[in-house]
Structures are given as C-alpha cells and as structure tokens.
C-alpha cells in the first residue's frame, strides 16, 4: 500500500521535477551554469508529472467522440474528465458552467467571449476594462464590443495599485443602461498585483452588468472560486486562462462560462463534433457542452496534460502554493528595496495590494534591455523586458522615468528607437519551482550590476526594438537547440 503524502511532501516532490531546471548554458565569462528561470509569467516550465501523464496517455491515443474501440473510449473519457476536473478546480458548478478549450491561449478565449457577450446583449455597447490589462483582455473588447472605458487604479505615493472600486461603481452608475460587462485581470502580468475580482463582480451584478475575468496569471498561483459564494453577486460569469502559463506548454487555452449565456446564441465556430445532424440545406447544433463550443479535432493530449497539472496543484492545495510563493515575493521585494538604484513598479506594500508571481523593475541609469541582457549573459538568469503586452499600463508607470531620460526634449519628436530603449521594464516572475536560492541569485546579480554600470554599458551596443547585444560574446553553438539538427541526428544515429 502506498504511503499518503502530505501537501508539503507532494510540493517538495513536484517542484524539483520540472523539465528545464537543469538546462546549462555557457556565460560570457566562459563559466557553465544552470539557468535560473524567472520568466514564468510569460510561460511556465513543463511539470514533470503532467509530461509523464501525457507520455503515458500516448500509448492509448485516439480521436474522441467514439466509444467503440478501446483507445477511442479511453481518449473520450479522459478528455471529458479534463473538462470536469477544471470546473471543480475553479469551483464552477458543472450544472451551471461549461468548460471548453481554445487555441491561442487566453487570447483566443477572450476574443470568443467578447463576440459571445456582444451577441448575448446587443443593446448594450459599452465595456469597462481596467488600465492594467494585457492586450489580450483589452483589444478584443475594443474590436468586438463597441465602446471601451478604461478604469483607473488606486494611487498611493504615485504607485498604482489595484483597480479602484469607487471608479468602477461611478462608471456603472454613469453608463448604467449601456454597460454590458466588466473585463478585468485577476492578477497583473506586469506587477503581479492581485485585483479584488469578487468585489468587482458584486458591483457589476448590482448594476446588471456581467463580469469576465482574465485568469491567466491567477490559476497557477492562488485559489479561485467562480461559484458558490454566500453572496451570489460575487460569482463570476466567465473566466479564461492559458495552459502554457499553468505548467503545461503546448496545452490549450480554457474558457469557463455560464451555460445560459452560451446557450442563448449559436456558436460562431462550426464544423465536425458540434452538430447533431447535417442536411443539404440545414444543420442542427448540439445542445450538450462542451461539444457545441469545440468544433473540429481538439488538442486532446494538451488538455489532458493540463488537467493532470491541475490535479497535482489541487492535491497540494492552492492555499499552500499561494503561501509559499507569497513568501518568495515578499523576500524578493524586501531585498530589492534595500538596493537604492532599483526602481520597483506598482504598489510595493503587500498589506495594501498583495502580489502573485511577478515583480517589474528598472535599475536607474541603465536601459531595461541592457539589464535583461546582462542578467542572461553573466548570471544565467532568464527574465523578460519591454512592455509585456500591456503598453498603457507600463507607460502610465514609467512616464516620469521616460521624461527624465528625454531630459528637456519634446518626447513626441524623439527617435522611436530611443523611446523603445527607455520605455520598458525588466520583469522577474516566479513559479512552483522557484527557490530561495533563485531569489538570492537575482538580488546578488542586480546588486552587482548596479556597482558596475559603466562596465556593462561599455560591453553592449543598443540594437533595434530596445534590445542590447554584447560586443564580443556570442552564445556557445553547443548550447543552441535546433529541431532540424535533432531530427538529422536521430535519423542517422546508429541503432
């Protein structure tokens, strides 16, 4: 009989079993070290347990929508389990909510929902969107939903925090009969600031608006409950997230939405699997979910792998995961605040605005691209820089720095390349596999870079689009991965 492990034991087992944690690169100084992966907000590493589950499933792989041979039956049942597993993980009643998978991660799901919500209540042409949104939860509403009003953020000592609830209610009252829904992110992909989505939902429903939540940065980091609140006004109408940000690269995006909304209009995407009958002059759409929303052959292995990762996280407990990651965020913030040259963006007092996963910053006197390049080339720390597909939010926070860099010039007349070099941040982001030593490595590197600003400036040249290139160092060719070379080696190696 197997021993039943505690949450902590499962967490410790899982966090060291991610593909890519042992990846080694050669640095500019010739040293070979393991990569420190701090780019999880862009895309997480692959969970070993989910990878193994997919690999085991491939022995039984077949298409779904059939129960008449062994493999098809297994695929159909496991694919169905994946939908239900996600619903229960998010606290969404399967009788009231449907889960379906989409391509293009969160982006595909938000575009679908923007069109669905538009057609569901065509008499309402206005959407409230927060200023901190990723483009994926801003541009689809601009394109499909008519008028978009951007909501401001709480400000304290010039640091933007969460969405301002007073502003939300003010706009709901002002445009009461025109607002269809509010679209907000649960967690900012730039600062990691956590928004009060349940309070926003309560306000939305008070004024007969719906709420759509971008959960791309939330699902892997903190507990989520879409339904079953003591106050039903706090329930969430629609929720979207991405598998590639939830420890399964290659898995699909996920939409969870109220069935009554989805049932009210015919699905926009049609094809095999979502119809009951097709005749020469007509067809009938299935009533059952998720079939009616998933035309064509789905990403079956990706969906099953994603559900496997969610099963693991649920076994650990999202409260346990959130507590551990919060400790790393607080540790990193405290240590970075002790370096005067580091400018951290967004509210840094976690008693005012709690954070999950991300910290964005700059080093005074150094462009974001140079800092990111130096972290990679000399410390093997993988971070992201620029504007993280959240241009209005980043510009709002960085405008003072940009004006200072531009000195007395008219910013509208500056060289676009100059603006790209200055207009951006560096982002370090954490995941299940992050350790205290990763945080220490980041802080040490940043302290070292601040002490050697002039040295690093002399080593790099500015390239296009805000990037920086080392004058002499080029990555070791043996560190490069090429699919073509891999296939060639595979085909011609001795058996």
Foldseek 3Di string as FASTA:
>chain_A
DDDDDALVVLLVVFLVAFPQQQAWFQFPVRDIDRFLEQALLVFHTATRQLVVVLVVLVVLDDFEPDCPDDSNVVLPVLLVVLFVLVCVQQQHPPVWKFKDFDAPAQLRVLLQVLQLLCVLCVQAQEEEEELLDFCSQPVSNVPRRHYYDYFYADADPLFGAEGDPVSLLVVCVVRLVRYAAYEYEQARSAAQWGYPQLSSLLSQVVSPHAYEYEDAQPSQAAGHHQQDDPPRSSHHAKYKYGLRSLNQPPATIMIMGTLVSVQVDQRPDDAPQQWDDDDPVDTHGDSDPPRRHDHDTHPSSRSSSSSSSSVSCVSSPSVNRNVVQQVLLLVLLVLQVVQVQKAWHHDSPCVVTNGAWKIWIDGPPAFQQLLQVCCCNPLSYHWDKFANSSQSVQCSGCVVVLCVVVPPDDVVPDDPQSCLRHRMIIMGTDGSNDDPVSSVSVSVSVNVCNVCVVVSVVQWDADGRNHIDGPPDDIDPVSDDDPVVVVVCVVPPDD
